């Protein structure tokens, strides 16, 4: 019984997401990567190792699809309140305001985690389906589930700072333009500055640095993404609880 005041906002937020397009977004982004892998396998002329297919999938996810999915998802979650102008009603409820924002943050983080797992699972399924059509292209080597899961987990952890920034902007401003501008701009600079050493300090490049061969890049990006991400997320919840939406 004592936990219900903390869980109630989360249940309400989950029901809102269930009636929105969040499920479509959560399925569409991983499915696009899987479809790409499916046709790439079919175009092959010789079998390739499992590592190649999974590294390609995780690279596409970390480099482009994850940042754009976070941009769309945070804008969608925020617009559920901005659109009908329901913040005044929610903030007048007899419960701490931070719980309202924390519920949205938990839902966003949960969906991104599910999407990360879906990329790995759908890519495996796509490769298996393609090799059922062309058995001679069956990947070589073992499918190292633990290793691939750890890689996707690190990508997810390193993305926390980016998620926190996007969620803060999306919830802070009633217009979706600032959140989209930051998300698109961050992804753009991440793409054009891929090889820059300073990219390890750029939130939108931290996830893709989990695939780097240099240990210092992996450790630095992971530490900053996860550590600063947790701090920024906590600060965002405190800030939003005190301020009005513009």
Protein backbone atom coordinates (compact mmCIF):
# COMPACT_ATOMS: atom_id res chain seq x y z
CA UNK A 1 0.00 0.00 0.00
CA UNK A 2 2.79 2.42 0.82
CA UNK A 3 4.26 2.01 -2.68
CA UNK A 4 1.07 2.93 -4.52
CA UNK A 5 1.56 6.74 -4.38
CA UNK A 6 4.90 6.25 -6.13
CA UNK A 7 3.65 3.73 -8.68
CA UNK A 8 0.34 5.38 -9.58
CA UNK A 9 1.88 8.10 -11.82
CA UNK A 10 3.96 5.44 -13.54
CA UNK A 11 0.93 3.26 -14.26
CA UNK A 12 -0.97 6.26 -15.62
CA UNK A 13 1.95 7.23 -17.84
CA UNK A 14 2.27 3.68 -19.15
CA UNK A 15 -1.43 3.65 -20.06
CA UNK A 16 -1.04 6.94 -21.91
CA UNK A 17 1.85 5.53 -23.90
CA UNK A 18 -0.17 2.42 -24.68
CA UNK A 19 -2.78 4.61 -26.37
CA UNK A 20 -0.21 6.67 -28.27
CA UNK A 21 2.10 5.98 -31.20
CA UNK A 22 4.96 5.06 -28.86
CA UNK A 23 4.51 1.34 -29.54
CA UNK A 24 4.68 1.98 -33.29
CA UNK A 25 7.89 3.98 -32.87
CA UNK A 26 9.39 1.37 -30.54
CA UNK A 27 8.80 -1.35 -33.14
CA UNK A 28 9.55 0.65 -36.28
CA UNK A 29 13.11 1.77 -35.47
CA UNK A 30 14.50 -1.72 -34.67
CA UNK A 31 12.51 -3.20 -37.56
CA UNK A 32 14.18 -0.85 -40.05
CA UNK A 33 17.61 -2.05 -38.95
CA UNK A 34 16.46 -5.67 -39.20
CA UNK A 35 15.08 -5.13 -42.70
CA UNK A 36 18.39 -3.59 -43.75
CA UNK A 37 20.27 -6.60 -42.34
CA UNK A 38 17.89 -9.01 -44.10
CA UNK A 39 18.55 -7.57 -47.54
CA UNK A 40 22.27 -7.18 -46.90
CA UNK A 41 22.50 -10.89 -46.14
CA UNK A 42 20.57 -11.75 -49.30
CA UNK A 43 22.95 -9.59 -51.35
CA UNK A 44 25.97 -11.45 -50.03
CA UNK A 45 27.98 -13.93 -52.03
CA UNK A 46 29.72 -15.72 -49.16
CA UNK A 47 28.98 -16.36 -45.46
CA UNK A 48 30.07 -13.67 -43.03
CA UNK A 49 30.71 -14.00 -39.29
CA UNK A 50 27.98 -13.22 -36.78
CA UNK A 51 30.17 -10.45 -35.37
CA UNK A 52 29.94 -8.49 -38.59
CA UNK A 53 26.15 -8.51 -38.68
CA UNK A 54 25.74 -7.63 -35.02
CA UNK A 55 28.41 -4.92 -35.07
CA UNK A 56 26.76 -3.39 -38.13
CA UNK A 57 23.37 -3.42 -36.40
CA UNK A 58 24.71 -1.95 -33.16
CA UNK A 59 26.62 0.69 -35.13
CA UNK A 60 23.55 1.84 -37.05
CA UNK A 61 21.56 1.88 -33.83
CA UNK A 62 24.13 3.83 -31.79
CA UNK A 63 25.16 6.17 -34.58
CA UNK A 64 21.82 7.27 -36.05
CA UNK A 65 18.66 5.38 -35.11
CA UNK A 66 19.08 5.71 -31.33
CA UNK A 67 19.52 9.52 -31.32
CA UNK A 68 16.63 10.03 -33.74
CA UNK A 69 14.41 7.58 -31.84
CA UNK A 70 15.12 9.39 -28.56
CA UNK A 71 14.30 12.72 -30.21
CA UNK A 72 10.97 11.42 -31.50
CA UNK A 73 10.09 9.53 -28.32
CA UNK A 74 10.77 12.39 -25.91
CA UNK A 75 8.82 14.79 -28.14
CA UNK A 76 5.92 12.32 -28.23
CA UNK A 77 5.90 11.81 -24.46
CA UNK A 78 5.99 15.56 -23.83
CA UNK A 79 3.34 16.36 -26.43
CA UNK A 80 0.84 14.12 -24.66
CA UNK A 81 0.60 16.91 -22.06
CA UNK A 82 1.60 19.92 -24.15
CA UNK A 83 -0.97 19.18 -26.87
CA UNK A 84 -4.14 19.19 -24.71
CA UNK A 85 -2.53 21.73 -22.31
CA UNK A 86 -3.01 19.41 -19.35
CA UNK A 87 0.03 20.45 -17.33
CA UNK A 88 -1.98 22.85 -15.15
CA UNK A 89 -4.30 20.02 -14.16
CA UNK A 90 -1.47 17.55 -13.50
CA UNK A 91 0.60 19.99 -11.49
CA UNK A 92 -2.44 20.79 -9.31
CA UNK A 93 -2.79 17.15 -8.22
CA UNK A 94 -2.02 16.44 -4.53
CA UNK A 95 1.32 14.73 -5.08
CA UNK A 96 4.91 15.91 -5.48
CA UNK A 97 5.46 17.30 -8.96
CA UNK A 98 8.72 15.42 -9.44
CA UNK A 99 6.80 12.15 -9.54
CA UNK A 100 4.96 13.27 -12.68
CA UNK A 101 8.23 13.94 -14.48
CA UNK A 102 9.95 10.90 -13.01
CA UNK A 103 7.17 8.69 -14.39
CA UNK A 104 7.77 10.07 -17.87
CA UNK A 105 11.53 9.59 -17.51
CA UNK A 106 11.10 5.98 -16.40
CA UNK A 107 8.79 5.23 -19.32
CA UNK A 108 11.20 6.77 -21.82
CA UNK A 109 14.14 4.86 -20.38
CA UNK A 110 12.16 1.62 -20.37
CA UNK A 111 11.10 2.05 -23.99
CA UNK A 112 14.65 2.82 -25.13
CA UNK A 113 15.86 -0.30 -23.29
CA UNK A 114 13.19 -2.40 -25.01
CA UNK A 115 14.13 -0.92 -28.38
CA UNK A 116 17.80 -1.75 -27.75
CA UNK A 117 16.91 -5.36 -27.00
CA UNK A 118 14.61 -5.43 -30.02
CA UNK A 119 17.44 -4.33 -32.35
CA UNK A 120 19.52 -7.30 -31.25
CA UNK A 121 16.64 -9.78 -31.39
CA UNK A 122 15.23 -8.55 -34.70
CA UNK A 123 18.65 -8.51 -36.33
CA UNK A 124 19.20 -12.13 -35.29
CA UNK A 125 15.76 -13.00 -36.66
CA UNK A 126 16.38 -11.15 -39.93
CA UNK A 127 19.70 -12.91 -40.51
CA UNK A 128 18.16 -16.28 -39.71
CA UNK A 129 15.25 -15.62 -42.07
CA UNK A 130 17.60 -14.55 -44.87
CA UNK A 131 19.78 -17.63 -44.44
CA UNK A 132 16.69 -19.83 -44.51
CA UNK A 133 16.24 -18.52 -48.05
CA UNK A 134 19.95 -18.82 -48.87
CA UNK A 135 21.43 -21.48 -46.55
CA UNK A 136 24.86 -21.12 -48.12
CA UNK A 137 25.10 -17.67 -46.47
CA UNK A 138 24.64 -18.95 -42.90
CA UNK A 139 26.91 -16.83 -40.66
CA UNK A 140 30.12 -18.35 -39.44
CA UNK A 141 31.24 -18.51 -35.83
CA UNK A 142 29.13 -18.58 -32.71
CA UNK A 143 26.33 -16.18 -31.87
CA UNK A 144 27.80 -14.76 -28.64
CA UNK A 145 24.61 -13.57 -26.98
CA UNK A 146 26.31 -12.42 -23.79
CA UNK A 147 28.87 -10.34 -25.65
CA UNK A 148 26.28 -8.70 -27.92
CA UNK A 149 23.93 -8.03 -25.02
CA UNK A 150 26.77 -6.38 -23.08
CA UNK A 151 27.56 -4.15 -26.06
CA UNK A 152 23.96 -3.00 -26.41
CA UNK A 153 23.77 -2.46 -22.64
CA UNK A 154 26.83 -0.18 -22.77
CA UNK A 155 25.36 1.74 -25.71
CA UNK A 156 22.17 2.23 -23.70
CA UNK A 157 24.07 3.36 -20.59
CA UNK A 158 26.23 5.80 -22.57
CA UNK A 159 23.08 7.32 -24.09
CA UNK A 160 21.67 8.39 -20.70
CA UNK A 161 23.10 11.91 -20.94
CA UNK A 162 21.62 12.41 -24.39
CA UNK A 163 18.24 11.06 -23.21
CA UNK A 164 18.26 13.37 -20.19
CA UNK A 165 18.99 16.45 -22.31
CA UNK A 166 16.32 15.59 -24.87
CA UNK A 167 13.71 14.87 -22.22
CA UNK A 168 14.46 18.08 -20.34
CA UNK A 169 14.06 20.23 -23.45
CA UNK A 170 10.95 18.39 -24.63
CA UNK A 171 9.19 18.76 -21.26
CA UNK A 172 10.42 22.29 -20.59
CA UNK A 173 9.04 23.87 -23.76
CA UNK A 174 5.47 23.48 -25.01
CA UNK A 175 6.63 23.79 -28.61
CA UNK A 176 8.19 20.65 -30.07
CA UNK A 177 10.58 22.75 -32.19
CA UNK A 178 13.38 23.17 -29.58
CA UNK A 179 13.51 19.43 -28.85
CA UNK A 180 13.53 18.51 -32.53
CA UNK A 181 16.14 21.16 -33.33
CA UNK A 182 18.48 19.90 -30.61
CA UNK A 183 17.96 16.25 -31.57
CA UNK A 184 18.47 16.80 -35.28
CA UNK A 185 21.38 19.17 -34.69
CA UNK A 186 23.07 16.79 -32.27
CA UNK A 187 22.72 13.89 -34.70
CA UNK A 188 23.99 16.03 -37.59
CA UNK A 189 27.15 17.11 -35.77
CA UNK A 190 27.66 13.54 -34.59
CA UNK A 191 27.60 12.33 -38.19
CA UNK A 192 29.86 15.01 -39.67
CA UNK A 193 32.37 14.80 -36.81
CA UNK A 194 32.53 11.03 -36.50
CA UNK A 195 36.31 10.77 -36.43
CA UNK A 196 36.91 13.73 -34.10
CA UNK A 197 38.69 12.82 -30.88
CA UNK A 198 36.56 15.34 -29.04
CA UNK A 199 33.48 13.31 -29.98
CA UNK A 200 33.98 11.23 -26.86
CA UNK A 201 32.75 14.28 -24.89
CA UNK A 202 29.73 14.93 -27.14
CA UNK A 203 26.51 13.36 -25.75
CA UNK A 204 25.22 12.27 -29.15
CA UNK A 205 28.50 10.48 -29.94
CA UNK A 206 28.90 8.72 -26.60
CA UNK A 207 26.79 5.67 -27.58
CA UNK A 208 28.72 4.95 -30.78
CA UNK A 209 32.00 5.25 -28.85
CA UNK A 210 31.06 1.97 -27.17
CA UNK A 211 32.17 0.33 -30.42
CA UNK A 212 35.58 2.01 -30.43
CA UNK A 213 38.73 -0.10 -30.34
CA UNK A 214 40.52 2.25 -27.92
CA UNK A 215 39.69 1.38 -24.33
CA UNK A 216 40.02 4.99 -23.16
CA UNK A 217 37.30 6.11 -25.56
CA UNK A 218 34.92 3.40 -24.37
CA UNK A 219 35.60 4.06 -20.70
CA UNK A 220 35.46 7.85 -21.00
CA UNK A 221 32.24 7.93 -23.01
CA UNK A 222 30.59 5.34 -20.77
CA UNK A 223 31.60 7.12 -17.58
CA UNK A 224 30.48 10.52 -18.83
CA UNK A 225 27.30 9.28 -20.46
CA UNK A 226 26.15 7.29 -17.47
CA UNK A 227 27.50 9.47 -14.66
CA UNK A 228 26.64 12.88 -16.08
CA UNK A 229 23.43 11.45 -17.48
CA UNK A 230 22.22 10.42 -14.03
CA UNK A 231 23.17 13.84 -12.63
CA UNK A 232 21.48 15.75 -15.46
CA UNK A 233 18.37 13.57 -15.19
CA UNK A 234 18.11 14.26 -11.45
CA UNK A 235 18.71 17.97 -12.03
CA UNK A 236 16.11 18.02 -14.80
CA UNK A 237 13.46 16.51 -12.53
CA UNK A 238 14.23 19.10 -9.84
CA UNK A 239 14.23 21.96 -12.35
CA UNK A 240 10.97 20.93 -14.01
CA UNK A 241 9.27 20.53 -10.64
CA UNK A 242 9.98 24.16 -9.81
CA UNK A 243 9.37 25.82 -13.17
CA UNK A 244 6.31 26.40 -15.31
CA UNK A 245 6.12 25.16 -18.89
CA UNK A 246 6.75 27.82 -21.55
